[in-house]
C-alpha atoms as a PDB file:
ATOM      1  CA  MET A   1     102.961 250.950 150.457  1.00  0.00           C
ATOM      2  CA  ASP A   2     103.314 248.174 147.917  1.00  0.00           C
ATOM      3  CA  LYS A   3     100.573 245.753 146.887  1.00  0.00           C
ATOM      4  CA  LYS A   4     101.949 242.909 149.023  1.00  0.00           C
ATOM      5  CA  GLU A   5     101.806 245.133 152.104  1.00  0.00           C
ATOM      6  CA  LEU A   6      98.253 246.259 151.293  1.00  0.00           C
ATOM      7  CA  TRP A   7      97.084 242.627 151.175  1.00  0.00           C
ATOM      8  CA  TRP A   8      99.041 241.692 154.306  1.00  0.00           C
ATOM      9  CA  ASN A   9      97.658 244.665 156.274  1.00  0.00           C
ATOM     10  CA  LYS A  10      94.103 243.727 155.316  1.00  0.00           C
ATOM     11  CA  ALA A  11      94.829 240.123 156.328  1.00  0.00           C
ATOM     12  CA  GLU A  12      95.962 241.324 159.746  1.00  0.00           C
ATOM     13  CA  GLU A  13      92.793 243.432 160.106  1.00  0.00           C
ATOM     14  CA  ASP A  14      90.646 240.406 159.256  1.00  0.00           C
ATOM     15  CA  MET A  15      92.562 238.295 161.792  1.00  0.00           C
ATOM     16  CA  GLU A  16      91.924 240.901 164.498  1.00  0.00           C
ATOM     17  CA  ALA A  17      88.241 241.077 163.558  1.00  0.00           C
ATOM     18  CA  ALA A  18      88.002 237.265 163.640  1.00  0.00           C
ATOM     19  CA  GLU A  19      89.425 237.238 167.157  1.00  0.00           C
ATOM     20  CA  PHE A  20      86.980 239.952 168.225  1.00  0.00           C
ATOM     21  CA  MET A  21      83.991 238.058 166.809  1.00  0.00           C
ATOM     22  CA  LYS A  22      85.154 234.809 168.446  1.00  0.00           C
ATOM     23  CA  LYS A  23      85.543 236.541 171.792  1.00  0.00           C
ATOM     24  CA  ASN A  24      81.990 237.861 171.462  1.00  0.00           C
ATOM     25  CA  GLY A  25      80.422 234.522 170.513  1.00  0.00           C
ATOM     26  CA  LYS A  26      79.786 235.394 166.859  1.00  0.00           C
ATOM     27  CA  TYR A  27      81.256 232.126 165.619  1.00  0.00           C
ATOM     28  CA  PRO A  28      80.023 232.065 161.993  1.00  0.00           C
ATOM     29  CA  TYR A  29      81.352 235.582 161.410  1.00  0.00           C
ATOM     30  CA  SER A  30      84.570 234.661 163.146  1.00  0.00           C
ATOM     31  CA  ALA A  31      85.064 231.567 160.976  1.00  0.00           C
ATOM     32  CA  PHE A  32      84.448 233.602 157.821  1.00  0.00           C
ATOM     33  CA  LEU A  33      86.946 236.252 158.895  1.00  0.00           C
ATOM     34  CA  TYR A  34      89.592 233.643 159.734  1.00  0.00           C
ATOM     35  CA  GLN A  35      89.163 232.258 156.228  1.00  0.00           C
ATOM     36  CA  GLN A  36      89.455 235.752 154.770  1.00  0.00           C
ATOM     37  CA  ALA A  37      92.569 236.538 156.818  1.00  0.00           C
ATOM     38  CA  VAL A  38      94.321 233.419 155.567  1.00  0.00           C
ATOM     39  CA  GLU A  39      93.168 234.021 151.990  1.00  0.00           C
ATOM     40  CA  LYS A  40      94.511 237.574 151.932  1.00  0.00           C
ATOM     41  CA  ALA A  41      97.743 236.521 153.628  1.00  0.00           C
ATOM     42  CA  LEU A  42      98.297 233.798 151.031  1.00  0.00           C
ATOM     43  CA  LYS A  43      97.599 236.291 148.259  1.00  0.00           C
ATOM     44  CA  SER A  44     100.167 238.671 149.737  1.00  0.00           C
ATOM     45  CA  LEU A  45     102.703 235.839 149.615  1.00  0.00           C
ATOM     46  CA  LEU A  46     101.809 235.118 145.999  1.00  0.00           C
ATOM     47  CA  ILE A  47     102.363 238.799 145.199  1.00  0.00           C
ATOM     48  CA  LYS A  48     105.766 238.694 146.920  1.00  0.00           C
ATOM     49  CA  GLU A  49     106.683 235.656 144.840  1.00  0.00           C
ATOM     50  CA  GLY A  50     105.717 237.528 141.661  1.00  0.00           C
ATOM     51  CA  LYS A  51     102.718 235.305 140.913  1.00  0.00           C
ATOM     52  CA  GLY A  52     100.000 237.936 141.321  1.00  0.00           C
ATOM     53  CA  VAL A  53      96.579 237.589 142.921  1.00  0.00           C
ATOM     54  CA  MET A  54      94.643 234.456 142.022  1.00  0.00           C
ATOM     55  CA  GLN A  55      90.869 234.929 141.782  1.00  0.00           C
ATOM     56  CA  THR A  56      89.830 232.115 144.114  1.00  0.00           C
ATOM     57  CA  HIS A  57      88.697 231.541 147.691  1.00  0.00           C
ATOM     58  CA  ASP A  58      90.192 228.032 147.732  1.00  0.00           C
ATOM     59  CA  LEU A  59      92.921 228.209 150.354  1.00  0.00           C
ATOM     60  CA  PHE A  60      94.310 224.802 149.400  1.00  0.00           C
ATOM     61  CA  LEU A  61      94.848 225.989 145.821  1.00  0.00           C
ATOM     62  CA  LEU A  62      96.431 229.234 147.005  1.00  0.00           C
ATOM     63  CA  ALA A  63      98.719 227.345 149.408  1.00  0.00           C
ATOM     64  CA  LYS A  64      99.676 224.902 146.669  1.00  0.00           C
ATOM     65  CA  ASN A  65     100.667 227.823 144.442  1.00  0.00           C
ATOM     66  CA  CYS A  66     102.765 229.183 147.308  1.00  0.00           C
ATOM     67  CA  LYS A  67     104.508 225.797 147.482  1.00  0.00           C
ATOM     68  CA  ALA A  68     103.317 225.354 151.064  1.00  0.00           C
ATOM     69  CA  PRO A  69     104.227 222.160 152.902  1.00  0.00           C
ATOM     70  CA  GLY A  70     101.625 219.409 153.260  1.00  0.00           C
ATOM     71  CA  ASN A  71     100.555 220.313 156.783  1.00  0.00           C
ATOM     72  CA  ILE A  72      99.812 223.914 155.743  1.00  0.00           C
ATOM     73  CA  LYS A  73      97.848 222.753 152.693  1.00  0.00           C
ATOM     74  CA  SER A  74      95.834 220.405 154.930  1.00  0.00           C
ATOM     75  CA  LEU A  75      95.003 223.224 157.339  1.00  0.00           C
ATOM     76  CA  CYS A  76      93.978 225.419 154.418  1.00  0.00           C
ATOM     77  CA  ASP A  77      91.718 222.661 153.121  1.00  0.00           C
ATOM     78  CA  ARG A  78      89.966 222.558 156.523  1.00  0.00           C
ATOM     79  CA  ILE A  79      89.474 226.341 156.649  1.00  0.00           C
ATOM     80  CA  THR A  80      88.214 226.900 153.077  1.00  0.00           C
ATOM     81  CA  PRO A  81      84.591 225.714 153.554  1.00  0.00           C
ATOM     82  CA  TYR A  82      83.926 228.450 156.104  1.00  0.00           C
ATOM     83  CA  TYR A  83      83.944 230.992 153.291  1.00  0.00           C
ATOM     84  CA  PHE A  84      80.689 229.552 151.944  1.00  0.00           C
ATOM     85  CA  ARG A  85      79.085 227.727 154.846  1.00  0.00           C
ATOM     86  CA  THR A  86      78.922 230.759 157.097  1.00  0.00           C
ATOM     87  CA  ARG A  87      77.721 233.279 154.532  1.00  0.00           C
ATOM     88  CA  TYR A  88      75.139 231.893 152.169  1.00  0.00           C
ATOM     89  CA  PRO A  89      71.786 230.616 153.442  1.00  0.00           C
ATOM     90  CA  ASP A  90      71.315 228.236 150.508  1.00  0.00           C
ATOM     91  CA  THR A  91      74.518 226.278 151.176  1.00  0.00           C
ATOM     92  CA  GLU A  92      75.052 223.538 153.707  1.00  0.00           C
ATOM     93  CA  MET A  93      75.267 225.646 156.845  1.00  0.00           C
ATOM     94  CA  VAL A  94      77.375 224.580 159.785  1.00  0.00           C
ATOM     95  CA  GLU A  95      76.550 225.039 163.418  1.00  0.00           C
ATOM     96  CA  LEU A  96      79.665 226.248 165.173  1.00  0.00           C
ATOM     97  CA  GLU A  97      80.276 225.651 168.844  1.00  0.00           C
ATOM     98  CA  LYS A  98      83.103 227.136 170.896  1.00  0.00           C
ATOM     99  CA  GLU A  99      85.323 224.071 170.382  1.00  0.00           C
ATOM    100  CA  ASP A 100      84.736 224.250 166.607  1.00  0.00           C
ATOM    101  CA  ILE A 101      85.796 227.855 166.356  1.00  0.00           C
ATOM    102  CA  GLU A 102      88.834 227.193 168.528  1.00  0.00           C
ATOM    103  CA  ASP A 103      89.962 224.630 165.936  1.00  0.00           C
ATOM    104  CA  VAL A 104      89.398 227.088 163.067  1.00  0.00           C
ATOM    105  CA  ALA A 105      91.270 229.782 165.005  1.00  0.00           C
ATOM    106  CA  LYS A 106      94.230 227.513 165.799  1.00  0.00           C
ATOM    107  CA  SER A 107      94.467 226.298 162.196  1.00  0.00           C
ATOM    108  CA  SER A 108      94.236 229.844 160.842  1.00  0.00           C
ATOM    109  CA  ARG A 109      96.882 231.158 163.216  1.00  0.00           C
ATOM    110  CA  GLU A 110      99.263 228.342 162.265  1.00  0.00           C
ATOM    111  CA  VAL A 111      98.895 229.105 158.546  1.00  0.00           C
ATOM    112  CA  PHE A 112      99.141 232.833 159.227  1.00  0.00           C
ATOM    113  CA  GLU A 113     102.413 232.413 161.120  1.00  0.00           C
ATOM    114  CA  TRP A 114     103.883 230.241 158.350  1.00  0.00           C
ATOM    115  CA  ILE A 115     103.047 233.002 155.862  1.00  0.00           C
ATOM    116  CA  ARG A 116     104.436 235.736 158.128  1.00  0.00           C
ATOM    117  CA  LYS A 117     107.806 233.934 158.187  1.00  0.00           C
ATOM    118  CA  LYS A 118     107.818 233.665 154.381  1.00  0.00           C
ATOM    119  CA  LEU A 119     107.091 237.366 153.896  1.00  0.00           C
END
């Protein structure tokens, strides 16, 4: 299995885990895992394009380096904060309701599908 596939497989695992956490009402964990799924998927695309893995959690920056269209970059920009705001107690935490996580899930799935088509 090549490096691109390793990253893509882990992205798919994170997406499945995000869905599981959402289904079980664990919204902060779900949001974090959606962010991670998109991050790893973008990194797999960067690997495919011969650019290597960038050491960042900024989805907008990763999408920009993948030459993603504006709508994908915008979605990535909305998802990125969930990496920090759901994990670290000394950052500005967000309270997530069901409708909030549905938006994160929809955005993440849209980016994920765009990446899947590029791979």
